Amino acid sequence: MTSQRAKAYSIALKSFRDLQPSKFTGDQMELFQQTADALFFTDRIDDATDELLASTHAELDIIAHNDRLLPETVKRLKDELQAIGPQPVHA
């Protein structure tokens, strides 16, 4: 973990929590929290974390498709989540 990832974690969770009352159900918020936690507490994206991230992206896409969030907001949320995770290692 780095301070940069800790800051990204805080930013992402704040964004989701700010939107929760009107845009997300409790189950959706739980998924988003689990995804953020998994990204934050890993040094390498494994299959389980990748699956959580894919589920979160799919859920956010559905929310955008149902006009509950603007596509730009969904992209920002996805980017904020991505910033939490470890940076890919380049060979």
C-alpha atoms as a PDB file:
ATOM      1  CA  MET A   1       0.000   0.000   0.000  1.00  0.00           C
ATOM      2  CA  THR A   2       1.120   3.516  -0.710  1.00  0.00           C
ATOM      3  CA  SER A   3      -0.136   6.871   0.454  1.00  0.00           C
ATOM      4  CA  GLN A   4      -1.243   7.508  -3.137  1.00  0.00           C
ATOM      5  CA  ARG A   5      -3.407   4.382  -3.074  1.00  0.00           C
ATOM      6  CA  ALA A   6      -4.786   5.307   0.354  1.00  0.00           C
ATOM      7  CA  LYS A   7      -5.771   8.712  -0.985  1.00  0.00           C
ATOM      8  CA  ALA A   8      -7.376   7.106  -4.063  1.00  0.00           C
ATOM      9  CA  TYR A   9      -9.310   4.736  -1.762  1.00  0.00           C
ATOM     10  CA  SER A  10     -10.656   7.664   0.267  1.00  0.00           C
ATOM     11  CA  ILE A  11     -11.624   9.610  -2.847  1.00  0.00           C
ATOM     12  CA  ALA A  12     -13.438   6.667  -4.436  1.00  0.00           C
ATOM     13  CA  LEU A  13     -15.372   5.754  -1.299  1.00  0.00           C
ATOM     14  CA  LYS A  14     -16.391   9.371  -0.754  1.00  0.00           C
ATOM     15  CA  SER A  15     -17.680   9.560  -4.328  1.00  0.00           C
ATOM     16  CA  PHE A  16     -19.732   6.394  -3.938  1.00  0.00           C
ATOM     17  CA  ARG A  17     -21.057   7.382  -0.505  1.00  0.00           C
ATOM     18  CA  ASP A  18     -22.051  10.838  -1.734  1.00  0.00           C
ATOM     19  CA  LEU A  19     -24.126   9.229  -4.499  1.00  0.00           C
ATOM     20  CA  GLN A  20     -25.523   6.322  -2.473  1.00  0.00           C
ATOM     21  CA  PRO A  21     -28.677   7.830  -1.021  1.00  0.00           C
ATOM     22  CA  SER A  22     -30.226   8.630  -4.386  1.00  0.00           C
ATOM     23  CA  LYS A  23     -28.364   6.495  -6.931  1.00  0.00           C
ATOM     24  CA  PHE A  24     -27.334   3.169  -5.367  1.00  0.00           C
ATOM     25  CA  THR A  25     -29.076   0.436  -3.417  1.00  0.00           C
ATOM     26  CA  GLY A  26     -27.518  -1.025  -0.292  1.00  0.00           C
ATOM     27  CA  ASP A  27     -26.489  -4.149  -2.231  1.00  0.00           C
ATOM     28  CA  GLN A  28     -24.816  -2.071  -4.921  1.00  0.00           C
ATOM     29  CA  MET A  29     -22.966  -0.041  -2.337  1.00  0.00           C
ATOM     30  CA  GLU A  30     -21.790  -3.232  -0.654  1.00  0.00           C
ATOM     31  CA  LEU A  31     -20.388  -4.462  -3.976  1.00  0.00           C
ATOM     32  CA  PHE A  32     -18.594  -1.154  -4.542  1.00  0.00           C
ATOM     33  CA  GLN A  33     -17.154  -1.229  -1.011  1.00  0.00           C
ATOM     34  CA  GLN A  34     -15.959  -4.837  -1.444  1.00  0.00           C
ATOM     35  CA  THR A  35     -14.306  -3.917  -4.734  1.00  0.00           C
ATOM     36  CA  ALA A  36     -12.540  -0.892  -3.255  1.00  0.00           C
ATOM     37  CA  ASP A  37     -11.362  -2.966  -0.277  1.00  0.00           C
ATOM     38  CA  ALA A  38     -10.090  -5.777  -2.517  1.00  0.00           C
ATOM     39  CA  LEU A  39      -8.183  -3.322  -4.705  1.00  0.00           C
ATOM     40  CA  PHE A  40      -6.695  -1.537  -1.724  1.00  0.00           C
ATOM     41  CA  PHE A  41      -5.545  -4.614   0.185  1.00  0.00           C
ATOM     42  CA  THR A  42      -3.843  -6.418  -2.687  1.00  0.00           C
ATOM     43  CA  ASP A  43      -0.404  -6.150  -4.187  1.00  0.00           C
ATOM     44  CA  ARG A  44      -1.490  -7.955  -7.339  1.00  0.00           C
ATOM     45  CA  ILE A  45      -4.839  -8.192  -9.093  1.00  0.00           C
ATOM     46  CA  ASP A  46      -5.929 -11.818  -8.743  1.00  0.00           C
ATOM     47  CA  ASP A  47      -8.928 -13.554 -10.310  1.00  0.00           C
ATOM     48  CA  ALA A  48     -11.258 -12.766  -7.386  1.00  0.00           C
ATOM     49  CA  THR A  49     -10.385  -9.064  -7.420  1.00  0.00           C
ATOM     50  CA  ASP A  50     -10.654  -8.940 -11.194  1.00  0.00           C
ATOM     51  CA  GLU A  51     -14.114 -10.544 -10.953  1.00  0.00           C
ATOM     52  CA  LEU A  52     -15.245  -7.986  -8.359  1.00  0.00           C
ATOM     53  CA  LEU A  53     -13.986  -5.161 -10.552  1.00  0.00           C
ATOM     54  CA  ALA A  54     -15.781  -6.576 -13.599  1.00  0.00           C
ATOM     55  CA  SER A  55     -19.019  -6.930 -11.587  1.00  0.00           C
ATOM     56  CA  THR A  56     -18.728  -3.362 -10.370  1.00  0.00           C
ATOM     57  CA  HIS A  57     -18.111  -2.061 -13.890  1.00  0.00           C
ATOM     58  CA  ALA A  58     -21.120  -4.018 -15.170  1.00  0.00           C
ATOM     59  CA  GLU A  59     -23.326  -2.675 -12.371  1.00  0.00           C
ATOM     60  CA  LEU A  60     -22.201   0.890 -13.079  1.00  0.00           C
ATOM     61  CA  ASP A  61     -22.916   0.392 -16.789  1.00  0.00           C
ATOM     62  CA  ILE A  62     -26.450  -0.760 -15.965  1.00  0.00           C
ATOM     63  CA  ILE A  63     -26.943   2.283 -13.749  1.00  0.00           C
ATOM     64  CA  ALA A  64     -25.804   4.555 -16.588  1.00  0.00           C
ATOM     65  CA  HIS A  65     -27.987   2.688 -19.101  1.00  0.00           C
ATOM     66  CA  ASN A  66     -30.993   3.254 -16.820  1.00  0.00           C
ATOM     67  CA  ASP A  67     -30.179   6.998 -16.740  1.00  0.00           C
ATOM     68  CA  ARG A  68     -29.462   6.998 -13.006  1.00  0.00           C
ATOM     69  CA  LEU A  69     -25.966   8.402 -13.631  1.00  0.00           C
ATOM     70  CA  LEU A  70     -24.363  10.232 -16.525  1.00  0.00           C
ATOM     71  CA  PRO A  71     -21.815   8.230 -18.521  1.00  0.00           C
ATOM     72  CA  GLU A  72     -19.160  10.766 -17.503  1.00  0.00           C
ATOM     73  CA  THR A  73     -19.880  10.111 -13.833  1.00  0.00           C
ATOM     74  CA  VAL A  74     -19.648   6.356 -14.374  1.00  0.00           C
ATOM     75  CA  LYS A  75     -16.302   6.782 -16.131  1.00  0.00           C
ATOM     76  CA  ARG A  76     -15.024   8.916 -13.243  1.00  0.00           C
ATOM     77  CA  LEU A  77     -16.118   6.303 -10.689  1.00  0.00           C
ATOM     78  CA  LYS A  78     -14.424   3.517 -12.671  1.00  0.00           C
ATOM     79  CA  ASP A  79     -11.239   5.583 -12.948  1.00  0.00           C
ATOM     80  CA  GLU A  80     -11.296   6.312  -9.209  1.00  0.00           C
ATOM     81  CA  LEU A  81     -11.592   2.595  -8.447  1.00  0.00           C
ATOM     82  CA  GLN A  82      -8.799   1.749 -10.869  1.00  0.00           C
ATOM     83  CA  ALA A  83      -6.517   4.245  -9.115  1.00  0.00           C
ATOM     84  CA  ILE A  84      -6.842   2.275  -5.861  1.00  0.00           C
ATOM     85  CA  GLY A  85      -5.276  -0.884  -7.229  1.00  0.00           C
ATOM     86  CA  PRO A  86      -1.636  -1.708  -7.675  1.00  0.00           C
ATOM     87  CA  GLN A  87       0.010  -0.333 -10.762  1.00  0.00           C
ATOM     88  CA  PRO A  88       0.695  -2.881 -13.476  1.00  0.00           C
ATOM     89  CA  VAL A  89       4.268  -4.064 -13.738  1.00  0.00           C
ATOM     90  CA  HIS A  90       5.784  -3.306 -17.128  1.00  0.00           C
ATOM     91  CA  ALA A  91       8.347  -5.755 -18.438  1.00  0.00           C
END
